[in-house]
Amino acid sequence: MKKKRLSKQQLLEKQKLDEKKFNRAMLISFGILFIGVLSVLVFYTYWCDSRFAWRKIAWFKQEVPAYWICMNGDNLQIHESTKAVFDDKIYYFCSQQCFNHLVKHFKEVAIVTDAFSGDSINKADAIIGLKTRNKQDVVYFKNKENFNKYYETKNK
């Protein structure tokens, strides 16, 4: 079987077509590489912020661990809070100033009303939940029953 010889014109057209295919493949490859590197850099740079945003959404209607809360400001923190023992109870604060505020204003800071029943409770003994989805404000509950009832009424 003889190979068919291509004319100069046909050869140039074939080379152009091959170059187009190569250029398209390179453009797609480098585009994917660029998007991949950019994604890694964004998540690496904003990892804490990404996790914080996820927690504000995912922890709604779930019990929030106390070590993620500043009990002085009653809000969810980006990083774990510092544990402090005062009056034989464990409290969590984002800074020394918040702890000092608790020591000076214990009754106003440490005692809060249950979000469902309205009973007065100590923050160190309370169950903690997020007040609204995608917000960092927290609410405190006396027991798991009040916690569940609060979120049941939020659904309605």
C-alpha atoms as a PDB file:
ATOM      1  CA  MET A   1       0.000   0.000   0.000  1.00  0.00           C
ATOM      2  CA  LYS A   2       1.393   3.341  -1.014  1.00  0.00           C
ATOM      3  CA  LYS A   3       1.232   6.344   1.249  1.00  0.00           C
ATOM      4  CA  LYS A   4      -0.494   9.255  -0.279  1.00  0.00           C
ATOM      5  CA  ARG A   5       1.798  12.255  -0.506  1.00  0.00           C
ATOM      6  CA  LEU A   6       0.351  15.508   0.701  1.00  0.00           C
ATOM      7  CA  SER A   7       0.714  18.647  -1.287  1.00  0.00           C
ATOM      8  CA  LYS A   8       2.373  21.690   0.284  1.00  0.00           C
ATOM      9  CA  GLN A   9      -1.008  23.365   0.820  1.00  0.00           C
ATOM     10  CA  GLN A  10      -2.447  20.277   2.498  1.00  0.00           C
ATOM     11  CA  LEU A  11       0.653  19.925   4.666  1.00  0.00           C
ATOM     12  CA  LEU A  12       0.400  23.567   5.825  1.00  0.00           C
ATOM     13  CA  GLU A  13      -3.309  23.124   6.637  1.00  0.00           C
ATOM     14  CA  LYS A  14      -2.552  19.949   8.604  1.00  0.00           C
ATOM     15  CA  GLN A  15       0.199  21.745  10.556  1.00  0.00           C
ATOM     16  CA  LYS A  16      -2.136  24.648  11.340  1.00  0.00           C
ATOM     17  CA  LEU A  17      -4.803  22.230  12.549  1.00  0.00           C
ATOM     18  CA  ASP A  18      -2.278  20.396  14.714  1.00  0.00           C
ATOM     19  CA  GLU A  19      -1.047  23.703  16.155  1.00  0.00           C
ATOM     20  CA  LYS A  20      -4.622  24.738  16.964  1.00  0.00           C
ATOM     21  CA  LYS A  21      -5.218  21.441  18.785  1.00  0.00           C
ATOM     22  CA  PHE A  22      -1.933  21.815  20.680  1.00  0.00           C
ATOM     23  CA  ASN A  23      -2.679  25.446  21.601  1.00  0.00           C
ATOM     24  CA  ARG A  24      -6.178  24.512  22.780  1.00  0.00           C
ATOM     25  CA  ALA A  25      -4.811  21.659  24.903  1.00  0.00           C
ATOM     26  CA  MET A  26      -2.144  23.954  26.407  1.00  0.00           C
ATOM     27  CA  LEU A  27      -4.686  26.689  27.128  1.00  0.00           C
ATOM     28  CA  ILE A  28      -7.015  24.254  28.896  1.00  0.00           C
ATOM     29  CA  SER A  29      -4.130  22.659  30.836  1.00  0.00           C
ATOM     30  CA  PHE A  30      -2.715  25.965  32.030  1.00  0.00           C
ATOM     31  CA  GLY A  31      -6.210  27.257  32.802  1.00  0.00           C
ATOM     32  CA  ILE A  32      -6.898  24.254  35.028  1.00  0.00           C
ATOM     33  CA  LEU A  33      -3.470  24.595  36.642  1.00  0.00           C
ATOM     34  CA  PHE A  34      -4.042  28.325  37.267  1.00  0.00           C
ATOM     35  CA  ILE A  35      -7.470  27.743  38.819  1.00  0.00           C
ATOM     36  CA  GLY A  36      -6.073  24.922  40.955  1.00  0.00           C
ATOM     37  CA  VAL A  37      -3.158  26.993  42.251  1.00  0.00           C
ATOM     38  CA  LEU A  38      -5.433  29.968  42.872  1.00  0.00           C
ATOM     39  CA  SER A  39      -7.886  27.786  44.816  1.00  0.00           C
ATOM     40  CA  VAL A  40      -5.116  26.348  46.988  1.00  0.00           C
ATOM     41  CA  LEU A  41      -3.730  29.807  47.699  1.00  0.00           C
ATOM     42  CA  VAL A  42      -7.142  31.225  48.578  1.00  0.00           C
ATOM     43  CA  PHE A  43      -7.981  28.376  50.955  1.00  0.00           C
ATOM     44  CA  TYR A  44      -4.495  28.418  52.446  1.00  0.00           C
ATOM     45  CA  THR A  45      -4.643  32.162  53.004  1.00  0.00           C
ATOM     46  CA  TYR A  46      -8.242  32.264  54.246  1.00  0.00           C
ATOM     47  CA  TRP A  47      -8.436  28.847  55.922  1.00  0.00           C
ATOM     48  CA  CYS A  48      -9.475  30.195  59.334  1.00  0.00           C
ATOM     49  CA  ASP A  49     -12.108  32.434  57.788  1.00  0.00           C
ATOM     50  CA  SER A  50     -13.426  29.541  55.686  1.00  0.00           C
ATOM     51  CA  ARG A  51     -13.732  27.276  58.715  1.00  0.00           C
ATOM     52  CA  PHE A  52     -15.359  30.061  60.741  1.00  0.00           C
ATOM     53  CA  ALA A  53     -17.948  30.648  57.998  1.00  0.00           C
ATOM     54  CA  TRP A  54     -18.622  26.900  57.876  1.00  0.00           C
ATOM     55  CA  ARG A  55     -19.087  26.725  61.669  1.00  0.00           C
ATOM     56  CA  LYS A  56     -21.613  29.595  61.629  1.00  0.00           C
ATOM     57  CA  ILE A  57     -23.728  27.585  59.184  1.00  0.00           C
ATOM     58  CA  ALA A  58     -23.156  23.990  60.300  1.00  0.00           C
ATOM     59  CA  TRP A  59     -23.415  24.523  64.072  1.00  0.00           C
ATOM     60  CA  PHE A  60     -26.837  26.149  63.894  1.00  0.00           C
ATOM     61  CA  LYS A  61     -29.313  23.927  65.805  1.00  0.00           C
ATOM     62  CA  GLN A  62     -26.392  21.999  67.288  1.00  0.00           C
ATOM     63  CA  GLU A  63     -24.670  22.296  70.637  1.00  0.00           C
ATOM     64  CA  VAL A  64     -21.640  24.565  70.288  1.00  0.00           C
ATOM     65  CA  PRO A  65     -18.505  23.555  72.239  1.00  0.00           C
ATOM     66  CA  ALA A  66     -17.852  26.136  74.963  1.00  0.00           C
ATOM     67  CA  TYR A  67     -14.196  26.569  73.987  1.00  0.00           C
ATOM     68  CA  TRP A  68     -15.263  28.267  70.726  1.00  0.00           C
ATOM     69  CA  ILE A  69     -17.197  30.968  72.605  1.00  0.00           C
ATOM     70  CA  CYS A  70     -16.183  34.208  74.289  1.00  0.00           C
ATOM     71  CA  MET A  71     -18.524  34.227  77.265  1.00  0.00           C
ATOM     72  CA  ASN A  72     -18.038  37.951  77.800  1.00  0.00           C
ATOM     73  CA  GLY A  73     -19.164  38.975  74.326  1.00  0.00           C
ATOM     74  CA  ASP A  74     -21.527  36.004  73.857  1.00  0.00           C
ATOM     75  CA  ASN A  75     -20.247  35.218  70.381  1.00  0.00           C
ATOM     76  CA  LEU A  76     -18.558  32.489  68.395  1.00  0.00           C
ATOM     77  CA  GLN A  77     -14.817  33.000  67.913  1.00  0.00           C
ATOM     78  CA  ILE A  78     -12.557  32.321  64.933  1.00  0.00           C
ATOM     79  CA  HIS A  79     -10.008  30.533  67.126  1.00  0.00           C
ATOM     80  CA  GLU A  80     -10.425  28.522  70.298  1.00  0.00           C
ATOM     81  CA  SER A  81     -10.954  30.652  73.388  1.00  0.00           C
ATOM     82  CA  THR A  82      -8.839  30.647  76.529  1.00  0.00           C
ATOM     83  CA  LYS A  83     -10.071  28.582  79.449  1.00  0.00           C
ATOM     84  CA  ALA A  84     -10.304  30.369  82.811  1.00  0.00           C
ATOM     85  CA  VAL A  85     -11.428  29.064  86.191  1.00  0.00           C
ATOM     86  CA  PHE A  86     -13.273  31.551  88.360  1.00  0.00           C
ATOM     87  CA  ASP A  87     -15.366  30.762  91.413  1.00  0.00           C
ATOM     88  CA  ASP A  88     -14.791  27.007  90.792  1.00  0.00           C
ATOM     89  CA  LYS A  89     -16.428  27.180  87.352  1.00  0.00           C
ATOM     90  CA  ILE A  90     -14.844  27.068  83.907  1.00  0.00           C
ATOM     91  CA  TYR A  91     -15.385  30.035  81.606  1.00  0.00           C
ATOM     92  CA  TYR A  92     -13.967  30.732  78.140  1.00  0.00           C
ATOM     93  CA  PHE A  93     -12.722  34.116  76.949  1.00  0.00           C
ATOM     94  CA  CYS A  94     -11.067  35.521  73.859  1.00  0.00           C
ATOM     95  CA  SER A  95      -8.704  37.799  75.797  1.00  0.00           C
ATOM     96  CA  GLN A  96      -7.447  38.758  79.221  1.00  0.00           C
ATOM     97  CA  GLN A  97      -9.556  41.926  79.070  1.00  0.00           C
ATOM     98  CA  CYS A  98     -12.726  39.846  78.715  1.00  0.00           C
ATOM     99  CA  PHE A  99     -11.720  37.755  81.725  1.00  0.00           C
ATOM    100  CA  ASN A 100     -10.989  40.889  83.751  1.00  0.00           C
ATOM    101  CA  HIS A 101     -14.425  42.211  82.795  1.00  0.00           C
ATOM    102  CA  LEU A 102     -15.984  39.010  84.209  1.00  0.00           C
ATOM    103  CA  VAL A 103     -14.084  39.388  87.461  1.00  0.00           C
ATOM    104  CA  LYS A 104     -15.210  43.027  87.864  1.00  0.00           C
ATOM    105  CA  HIS A 105     -18.818  42.493  86.706  1.00  0.00           C
ATOM    106  CA  PHE A 106     -19.497  38.871  87.641  1.00  0.00           C
ATOM    107  CA  LYS A 107     -23.279  39.084  88.107  1.00  0.00           C
ATOM    108  CA  GLU A 108     -23.849  40.918  84.805  1.00  0.00           C
ATOM    109  CA  VAL A 109     -21.519  38.750  82.728  1.00  0.00           C
ATOM    110  CA  ALA A 110     -21.711  35.239  84.203  1.00  0.00           C
ATOM    111  CA  ILE A 111     -25.459  35.058  84.799  1.00  0.00           C
ATOM    112  CA  VAL A 112     -27.730  34.987  81.743  1.00  0.00           C
ATOM    113  CA  THR A 113     -31.346  34.071  81.048  1.00  0.00           C
ATOM    114  CA  ASP A 114     -32.278  30.840  79.312  1.00  0.00           C
ATOM    115  CA  ALA A 115     -33.286  31.681  75.730  1.00  0.00           C
ATOM    116  CA  PHE A 116     -36.371  29.467  75.913  1.00  0.00           C
ATOM    117  CA  SER A 117     -37.639  29.425  79.508  1.00  0.00           C
ATOM    118  CA  GLY A 118     -36.290  32.744  80.776  1.00  0.00           C
ATOM    119  CA  ASP A 119     -34.691  31.170  83.877  1.00  0.00           C
ATOM    120  CA  SER A 120     -31.425  32.615  85.181  1.00  0.00           C
ATOM    121  CA  ILE A 121     -28.448  30.327  84.598  1.00  0.00           C
ATOM    122  CA  ASN A 122     -24.695  30.479  84.900  1.00  0.00           C
ATOM    123  CA  LYS A 123     -22.900  30.502  81.532  1.00  0.00           C
ATOM    124  CA  ALA A 124     -20.400  27.912  82.769  1.00  0.00           C
ATOM    125  CA  ASP A 125     -23.233  25.407  83.345  1.00  0.00           C
ATOM    126  CA  ALA A 126     -25.247  26.229  80.231  1.00  0.00           C
ATOM    127  CA  ILE A 127     -25.711  24.472  76.931  1.00  0.00           C
ATOM    128  CA  ILE A 128     -24.714  26.823  74.120  1.00  0.00           C
ATOM    129  CA  GLY A 129     -26.273  27.221  70.683  1.00  0.00           C
ATOM    130  CA  LEU A 130     -26.170  29.732  67.846  1.00  0.00           C
ATOM    131  CA  LYS A 131     -28.966  32.301  67.859  1.00  0.00           C
ATOM    132  CA  THR A 132     -29.351  32.435  64.066  1.00  0.00           C
ATOM    133  CA  ARG A 133     -27.765  30.689  61.103  1.00  0.00           C
ATOM    134  CA  ASN A 134     -24.701  32.404  59.640  1.00  0.00           C
ATOM    135  CA  LYS A 135     -24.383  34.780  62.622  1.00  0.00           C
ATOM    136  CA  GLN A 136     -21.915  34.488  65.485  1.00  0.00           C
ATOM    137  CA  ASP A 137     -24.266  35.451  68.338  1.00  0.00           C
ATOM    138  CA  VAL A 138     -24.960  32.670  70.840  1.00  0.00           C
ATOM    139  CA  VAL A 139     -27.753  31.812  73.250  1.00  0.00           C
ATOM    140  CA  TYR A 140     -27.591  29.792  76.470  1.00  0.00           C
ATOM    141  CA  PHE A 141     -29.916  27.054  77.717  1.00  0.00           C
ATOM    142  CA  LYS A 142     -30.504  25.481  81.107  1.00  0.00           C
ATOM    143  CA  ASN A 143     -30.898  21.958  79.713  1.00  0.00           C
ATOM    144  CA  LYS A 144     -31.083  19.945  76.514  1.00  0.00           C
ATOM    145  CA  GLU A 145     -34.886  19.975  76.580  1.00  0.00           C
ATOM    146  CA  ASN A 146     -35.018  23.786  76.404  1.00  0.00           C
ATOM    147  CA  PHE A 147     -32.346  23.685  73.707  1.00  0.00           C
ATOM    148  CA  ASN A 148     -34.451  21.365  71.529  1.00  0.00           C
ATOM    149  CA  LYS A 149     -37.682  23.290  72.132  1.00  0.00           C
ATOM    150  CA  TYR A 150     -36.016  26.590  71.208  1.00  0.00           C
ATOM    151  CA  TYR A 151     -34.942  25.283  67.798  1.00  0.00           C
ATOM    152  CA  GLU A 152     -38.305  23.590  67.224  1.00  0.00           C
ATOM    153  CA  THR A 153     -40.008  26.968  67.631  1.00  0.00           C
ATOM    154  CA  LYS A 154     -37.392  28.534  65.313  1.00  0.00           C
ATOM    155  CA  ASN A 155     -38.513  26.159  62.528  1.00  0.00           C
ATOM    156  CA  LYS A 156     -42.115  27.368  62.649  1.00  0.00           C
END
